[in-house]
Amino acid sequence: MFSGPRLQTRGLPGKRARGGRITGIAHLRGTHRGATAARRLGHRRLLRGGSRVKVVVTGAAGQLGAATVLEWKAAGHAVTGLTRADLDITVPADVRRVMARVAPDVILNCVGDNRVDAAQAAPLPALAVNAFAVRTLARVAAEYGATLVHYGTDFVFDGDTDQPYTEDDAPNPRSVYGMTKLLGEQLATDAPRHYVLRVESLFGGNMAGSSIDRLWAQMASGGPAVAFSDRVVSPSFVEDVVAATRAVIERQAPAGLYHCVNTGHATWFDVADHLRRLGGFPETCLQAGRAAEMKWLAPRPLFAALSNTKLQRAGVTMPTWQDAVERFVRQRSRQ
């Protein structure tokens, strides 16, 4: 047996309490017991490892999805990468039709609507992608005895702390976006074998618009780049995230919730200054700013660092964020 995410959510967002359950957004989790005995046996064969498995990656053209496709193909697995043009995961009938052609062993959901301010103004698109579509994928995973991987976010926390969040800390999202992502985490548990991996501040891969990519481009152009000195994060190098994801599955780690971020945390200004020094850019290329002074429509957690200790206990060690940034710089310097 395993313990899934401790996210029983009812009512409105409630107070954060370490190690406890929470009162949160409306509880919309369903139950699904459609997996047959034969499919469950197939699931156990997958978990024994060592064999070529059928992997479906949704969002295959995105930053995380494209890197995921490369990771699993390099490991010799049969990978079906699905872009938005191939599959709209918000249409259940289309999801079932496409999955029936593959009969997957592993489903990696790399689709997410991360338009934070847009969700605050109009919640339904984010709710459809970040929550209800996850329920569909989870139920399909149950039918095929497949392992489901779904990616979460640091925005499920309110940021009112000075210590990195663990998986036992009760979420308390401050934004509609964070609420939709929290609900998606809960609905992912409809898959008997599921991994909810929280990531934050993704960088690297094919995404030129990530915060670190933008900072690098701005400083390389002479700047000044502006980085927040009051927002604390645990950056996530996409190459490390996809490698850790595969390791979690291959090591048969207990199913449930994990923080899948690079080790350590820092303010965005500290991250940017490390990036500046690695790039050999002058100090004038970087300026400090304050997230608290931004006029965003949706609030952001100021202290958003995540602890990956649970992932380490499962046998998957993430490099430090400094090491990840150094590898990122080496890659960008070759381009």
Protein backbone atom coordinates (compact mmCIF):
# COMPACT_ATOMS: atom_id res chain seq x y z
CA MET A 1 0.00 0.00 0.00
CA PHE A 2 1.02 3.59 -0.44
CA SER A 3 0.08 6.99 0.86
CA GLY A 4 -1.04 9.51 -1.73
CA PRO A 5 -1.08 13.28 -1.39
CA ARG A 6 -2.70 14.44 1.85
CA LEU A 7 -4.99 16.83 0.04
CA GLN A 8 -8.60 16.50 1.12
CA THR A 9 -10.13 19.73 -0.14
CA ARG A 10 -13.54 21.12 0.73
CA GLY A 11 -14.92 24.62 0.91
CA LEU A 12 -12.74 27.71 0.61
CA PRO A 13 -8.96 27.96 1.01
CA GLY A 14 -8.00 27.45 4.64
CA LYS A 15 -5.07 28.10 6.89
CA ARG A 16 -1.74 26.47 6.36
CA ALA A 17 -0.64 24.03 9.05
CA ARG A 18 2.48 21.91 8.85
CA GLY A 19 1.77 18.21 8.77
CA GLY A 20 -2.01 18.59 8.72
CA ARG A 21 -4.87 18.26 6.35
CA ILE A 22 -6.51 21.36 5.02
CA THR A 23 -9.77 22.93 4.21
CA GLY A 24 -9.45 24.04 0.59
CA ILE A 25 -11.21 24.32 -2.72
CA ALA A 26 -14.33 22.40 -3.61
CA HIS A 27 -13.80 18.66 -3.41
CA LEU A 28 -14.44 17.31 -6.90
CA ARG A 29 -12.49 14.09 -6.77
CA GLY A 30 -14.35 11.12 -8.18
CA THR A 31 -13.73 7.42 -7.76
CA HIS A 32 -12.97 5.01 -10.56
CA ARG A 33 -12.54 1.26 -10.25
CA GLY A 34 -12.67 0.26 -13.90
CA ALA A 35 -9.26 -1.44 -14.10
CA THR A 36 -9.57 -5.14 -14.79
CA ALA A 37 -7.48 -7.83 -13.11
CA ALA A 38 -5.55 -8.34 -16.34
CA ARG A 39 -4.68 -4.67 -16.55
CA ARG A 40 -3.56 -4.62 -12.93
CA LEU A 41 -1.26 -7.55 -13.69
CA GLY A 42 0.14 -5.59 -16.62
CA HIS A 43 0.81 -2.70 -14.24
CA ARG A 44 2.81 -4.97 -11.94
CA ARG A 45 4.87 -6.21 -14.89
CA LEU A 46 5.76 -2.60 -15.67
CA LEU A 47 6.85 -1.89 -12.12
CA ARG A 48 9.29 -4.79 -12.15
CA GLY A 49 11.29 -2.71 -14.62
CA GLY A 50 13.86 -3.70 -17.20
CA SER A 51 11.43 -3.88 -20.12
CA ARG A 52 10.49 -1.51 -22.91
CA VAL A 53 7.26 0.22 -21.98
CA LYS A 54 4.72 2.30 -23.88
CA VAL A 55 4.86 5.92 -22.78
CA VAL A 56 2.44 8.72 -23.68
CA VAL A 57 3.58 12.31 -23.19
CA THR A 58 0.97 15.05 -23.40
CA GLY A 59 2.15 18.57 -24.15
CA ALA A 60 5.06 17.15 -26.13
CA ALA A 61 5.92 20.44 -27.83
CA GLY A 62 6.31 22.38 -24.58
CA GLN A 63 9.34 22.96 -22.40
CA LEU A 64 8.76 20.02 -20.06
CA GLY A 65 7.06 17.77 -22.61
CA ALA A 66 9.77 18.02 -25.26
CA ALA A 67 12.47 17.20 -22.71
CA THR A 68 10.37 14.30 -21.42
CA VAL A 69 10.07 12.79 -24.90
CA LEU A 70 13.84 12.98 -25.37
CA GLU A 71 14.52 11.44 -21.94
CA TRP A 72 12.29 8.40 -22.41
CA LYS A 73 13.29 7.81 -26.03
CA ALA A 74 16.96 7.88 -25.04
CA ALA A 75 16.17 5.18 -22.47
CA GLY A 76 14.80 2.95 -25.24
CA HIS A 77 11.09 3.14 -24.51
CA ALA A 78 8.25 3.40 -27.04
CA VAL A 79 7.20 7.04 -26.76
CA THR A 80 4.11 8.67 -28.20
CA GLY A 81 4.45 12.44 -27.93
CA LEU A 82 1.17 14.31 -28.24
CA THR A 83 1.06 18.04 -28.95
CA ARG A 84 -2.03 20.23 -28.59
CA ALA A 85 -2.65 19.67 -32.31
CA ASP A 86 -2.67 15.92 -31.68
CA LEU A 87 -4.84 15.95 -28.56
CA ASP A 88 -6.89 18.43 -26.58
CA ILE A 89 -6.86 16.83 -23.13
CA THR A 90 -9.94 18.80 -22.10
CA VAL A 91 -12.08 16.66 -24.45
CA PRO A 92 -12.61 13.29 -22.68
CA ALA A 93 -13.79 11.46 -25.81
CA ASP A 94 -10.65 12.48 -27.69
CA VAL A 95 -8.45 11.40 -24.79
CA ARG A 96 -10.04 7.95 -24.71
CA ARG A 97 -9.84 7.56 -28.49
CA VAL A 98 -6.14 8.44 -28.63
CA MET A 99 -5.20 6.36 -25.58
CA ALA A 100 -7.03 3.35 -27.01
CA ARG A 101 -4.62 3.37 -29.95
CA VAL A 102 -1.61 3.22 -27.64
CA ALA A 103 -2.77 1.30 -24.52
CA PRO A 104 -0.07 3.08 -22.48
CA ASP A 105 1.94 1.77 -19.55
CA VAL A 106 2.92 5.28 -18.44
CA ILE A 107 1.13 8.60 -19.00
CA LEU A 108 3.16 11.74 -18.37
CA ASN A 109 0.98 14.84 -18.33
CA CYS A 110 3.08 17.85 -19.27
CA VAL A 111 0.14 20.09 -20.13
CA GLY A 112 -0.68 23.02 -17.89
CA ASP A 113 -2.31 26.42 -18.16
CA ASN A 114 0.12 28.60 -16.21
CA ARG A 115 -1.30 31.99 -17.19
CA VAL A 116 -1.59 33.12 -13.59
CA ASP A 117 -3.23 36.50 -14.09
CA ALA A 118 -5.51 35.25 -16.87
CA ALA A 119 -6.83 32.54 -14.55
CA GLN A 120 -7.56 35.16 -11.91
CA ALA A 121 -9.73 37.07 -14.38
CA ALA A 122 -11.34 34.06 -16.10
CA PRO A 123 -10.93 30.78 -14.16
CA LEU A 124 -12.69 28.31 -16.46
CA PRO A 125 -9.91 27.68 -19.03
CA ALA A 126 -7.36 26.99 -16.27
CA LEU A 127 -9.86 24.83 -14.40
CA ALA A 128 -10.49 22.75 -17.53
CA VAL A 129 -6.79 22.13 -18.22
CA ASN A 130 -5.29 22.03 -14.73
CA ALA A 131 -8.03 20.06 -13.00
CA PHE A 132 -10.81 18.40 -14.99
CA ALA A 133 -8.51 17.15 -17.76
CA VAL A 134 -6.32 15.57 -15.08
CA ARG A 135 -9.32 13.65 -13.79
CA THR A 136 -9.89 12.27 -17.31
CA LEU A 137 -6.25 11.20 -17.62
CA ALA A 138 -6.33 9.60 -14.18
CA ARG A 139 -9.40 7.56 -15.02
CA VAL A 140 -7.93 6.46 -18.33
CA ALA A 141 -4.74 5.48 -16.51
CA ALA A 142 -6.85 3.37 -14.16
CA GLU A 143 -8.52 1.63 -17.09
CA TYR A 144 -5.20 0.66 -18.64
CA GLY A 145 -3.38 -0.06 -15.40
CA ALA A 146 -0.98 2.73 -16.32
CA THR A 147 1.19 4.90 -14.11
CA LEU A 148 0.16 8.57 -14.24
CA VAL A 149 2.61 11.40 -13.68
CA HIS A 150 1.18 14.88 -13.19
CA TYR A 151 3.18 18.03 -12.44
CA GLY A 152 2.20 20.49 -9.71
CA THR A 153 3.45 23.89 -8.63
CA ASP A 154 4.69 25.95 -5.70
CA PHE A 155 1.67 28.22 -6.19
CA VAL A 156 -0.41 25.85 -4.06
CA PHE A 157 1.26 27.50 -1.03
CA ASP A 158 0.66 30.98 0.38
CA GLY A 159 4.34 31.83 0.99
CA ASP A 160 3.81 32.89 4.59
CA THR A 161 6.84 31.07 5.98
CA ASP A 162 10.62 31.21 6.05
CA GLN A 163 11.32 27.48 5.70
CA PRO A 164 11.11 25.35 2.54
CA TYR A 165 7.76 23.62 2.18
CA THR A 166 7.55 19.85 2.49
CA GLU A 167 4.95 17.49 1.10
CA ASP A 168 3.35 17.33 4.55
CA ASP A 169 2.68 21.06 4.66
CA ALA A 170 -0.95 21.91 4.01
CA PRO A 171 -1.46 23.96 0.85
CA ASN A 172 -3.24 27.29 0.95
CA PRO A 173 -3.25 28.79 -2.54
CA ARG A 174 -3.71 32.55 -2.79
CA SER A 175 -4.57 32.64 -6.49
CA VAL A 176 -7.17 31.02 -8.70
CA TYR A 177 -4.33 29.44 -10.67
CA GLY A 178 -2.98 27.85 -7.50
CA MET A 179 -6.46 26.57 -6.64
CA THR A 180 -6.86 24.90 -10.04
CA LYS A 181 -3.45 23.25 -9.70
CA LEU A 182 -4.27 22.01 -6.21
CA LEU A 183 -7.50 20.51 -7.46
CA GLY A 184 -5.57 18.82 -10.27
CA GLU A 185 -3.27 17.22 -7.70
CA GLN A 186 -6.29 15.81 -5.89
CA LEU A 187 -7.94 14.50 -9.05
CA ALA A 188 -4.72 12.79 -10.16
CA THR A 189 -5.21 10.37 -7.28
CA ASP A 190 -8.04 8.72 -9.23
CA ALA A 191 -5.20 6.78 -10.88
CA PRO A 192 -4.30 3.88 -8.54
CA ARG A 193 -0.62 4.38 -9.41
CA HIS A 194 0.13 8.10 -9.58
CA TYR A 195 2.96 10.52 -9.00
CA VAL A 196 2.27 14.20 -8.42
CA LEU A 197 5.58 16.01 -8.83
CA ARG A 198 5.67 19.66 -7.82
CA VAL A 199 8.14 21.77 -9.80
CA GLU A 200 8.79 25.50 -9.83
CA SER A 201 10.66 28.10 -11.84
CA LEU A 202 11.43 25.68 -14.67
CA PHE A 203 14.31 26.67 -16.92
CA GLY A 204 16.28 25.18 -19.77
CA GLY A 205 15.10 22.99 -22.60
CA ASN A 206 13.33 24.63 -25.53
CA MET A 207 11.69 27.40 -23.50
CA ALA A 208 13.22 30.80 -24.19
CA GLY A 209 10.61 32.56 -22.07
CA SER A 210 11.44 31.15 -18.64
CA SER A 211 12.65 33.59 -15.98
CA ILE A 212 16.26 32.40 -16.07
CA ASP A 213 16.30 32.37 -19.88
CA ARG A 214 14.99 35.94 -19.94
CA LEU A 215 17.52 37.10 -17.35
CA TRP A 216 20.34 35.55 -19.36
CA ALA A 217 19.17 37.14 -22.60
CA GLN A 218 18.74 40.57 -20.99
CA MET A 219 22.18 40.53 -19.37
CA ALA A 220 23.79 39.21 -22.56
CA SER A 221 22.28 42.22 -24.35
CA GLY A 222 23.75 44.64 -21.82
CA GLY A 223 20.80 44.79 -19.44
CA PRO A 224 19.79 45.90 -17.04
CA ALA A 225 17.86 42.80 -16.03
CA VAL A 226 15.63 43.15 -12.97
CA ALA A 227 15.38 40.26 -10.48
CA PHE A 228 13.31 40.14 -7.30
CA SER A 229 15.22 40.33 -4.03
CA ASP A 230 12.14 39.42 -1.95
CA ARG A 231 10.91 36.27 -3.73
CA VAL A 232 12.55 32.98 -2.68
CA VAL A 233 12.44 29.99 -5.04
CA SER A 234 13.89 26.54 -5.69
CA PRO A 235 14.67 26.63 -9.43
CA SER A 236 14.06 23.46 -11.45
CA PHE A 237 16.32 22.60 -14.40
CA VAL A 238 14.11 20.77 -16.88
CA GLU A 239 16.77 18.15 -17.66
CA ASP A 240 17.02 17.25 -13.98
CA VAL A 241 13.23 17.12 -13.61
CA VAL A 242 12.70 14.67 -16.47
CA ALA A 243 15.61 12.48 -15.34
CA ALA A 244 14.23 12.41 -11.79
CA THR A 245 10.76 11.58 -13.09
CA ARG A 246 12.03 8.52 -14.92
CA ALA A 247 14.12 7.49 -11.91
CA VAL A 248 11.10 7.69 -9.59
CA ILE A 249 9.17 5.31 -11.82
CA GLU A 250 12.04 2.93 -12.51
CA ARG A 251 12.95 2.75 -8.82
CA GLN A 252 9.31 1.96 -8.01
CA ALA A 253 9.18 4.74 -5.45
CA PRO A 254 6.01 4.77 -3.36
CA ALA A 255 3.29 6.50 -5.33
CA GLY A 256 2.13 9.91 -4.18
CA LEU A 257 3.35 13.47 -3.88
CA TYR A 258 6.97 14.63 -4.29
CA HIS A 259 8.74 17.96 -4.63
CA CYS A 260 10.89 17.61 -7.75
CA VAL A 261 13.12 20.69 -7.67
CA ASN A 262 16.84 21.31 -7.60
CA THR A 263 18.35 21.28 -4.14
CA GLY A 264 18.53 24.53 -2.20
CA HIS A 265 16.79 27.87 -2.49
CA ALA A 266 17.61 31.53 -3.05
CA THR A 267 16.05 34.85 -3.93
CA TRP A 268 15.62 35.52 -7.62
CA PHE A 269 18.26 38.22 -7.30
CA ASP A 270 20.76 35.71 -5.88
CA VAL A 271 19.98 33.30 -8.72
CA ALA A 272 20.40 36.07 -11.28
CA ASP A 273 23.66 37.26 -9.72
CA HIS A 274 25.05 33.71 -9.90
CA LEU A 275 24.00 33.65 -13.53
CA ARG A 276 25.64 37.05 -14.12
CA ARG A 277 28.95 35.99 -12.65
CA LEU A 278 28.98 32.75 -14.63
CA GLY A 279 28.32 34.70 -17.81
CA GLY A 280 31.02 37.24 -17.05
CA PHE A 281 28.56 40.13 -17.25
CA PRO A 282 29.26 43.42 -15.40
CA GLU A 283 27.33 44.32 -12.25
CA THR A 284 25.55 47.08 -14.13
CA CYS A 285 23.67 44.42 -16.09
CA LEU A 286 21.58 43.45 -13.04
CA GLN A 287 19.26 45.40 -10.76
CA ALA A 288 17.21 44.33 -7.74
CA GLY A 289 13.44 44.65 -7.78
CA ARG A 290 10.63 43.80 -5.36
CA ALA A 291 7.84 41.35 -6.16
CA ALA A 292 5.77 42.89 -3.36
CA GLU A 293 5.56 46.11 -5.38
CA MET A 294 4.31 44.47 -8.56
CA LYS A 295 0.75 45.23 -9.67
CA TRP A 296 -0.16 41.68 -10.63
CA LEU A 297 -3.81 40.74 -10.80
CA ALA A 298 -3.14 37.47 -8.97
CA PRO A 299 -1.03 37.30 -5.79
CA ARG A 300 2.19 35.26 -5.81
CA PRO A 301 3.79 33.46 -2.85
CA LEU A 302 6.90 35.40 -1.83
CA PHE A 303 8.59 32.45 -0.09
CA ALA A 304 8.05 29.56 -2.48
CA ALA A 305 11.03 27.30 -1.75
CA LEU A 306 10.33 23.56 -1.79
CA SER A 307 12.23 20.84 0.06
CA ASN A 308 13.09 17.74 -1.99
CA THR A 309 14.09 15.62 1.02
CA LYS A 310 11.31 13.10 0.40
CA LEU A 311 12.56 12.58 -3.15
CA GLN A 312 16.06 11.98 -1.80
CA ARG A 313 14.70 9.40 0.64
CA ALA A 314 13.21 7.61 -2.37
CA GLY A 315 16.72 7.31 -3.80
CA VAL A 316 16.59 10.20 -6.27
CA THR A 317 19.08 12.98 -5.52
CA MET A 318 18.68 16.30 -7.31
CA PRO A 319 21.74 18.46 -8.03
CA THR A 320 21.94 21.88 -6.40
CA TRP A 321 20.38 24.82 -8.18
CA GLN A 322 23.86 26.33 -8.53
CA ASP A 323 25.08 23.24 -10.38
CA ALA A 324 21.98 23.31 -12.57
CA VAL A 325 22.50 26.97 -13.47
CA GLU A 326 26.14 26.27 -14.32
CA ARG A 327 25.10 23.53 -16.75
CA PHE A 328 22.49 25.85 -18.22
CA VAL A 329 25.16 28.50 -18.85
CA ARG A 330 27.45 25.96 -20.54
CA GLN A 331 24.59 24.98 -22.84
CA ARG A 332 23.68 28.56 -23.69
CA SER A 333 27.32 29.49 -24.25
CA ARG A 334 27.57 26.82 -26.96
CA GLN A 335 24.57 28.20 -28.84
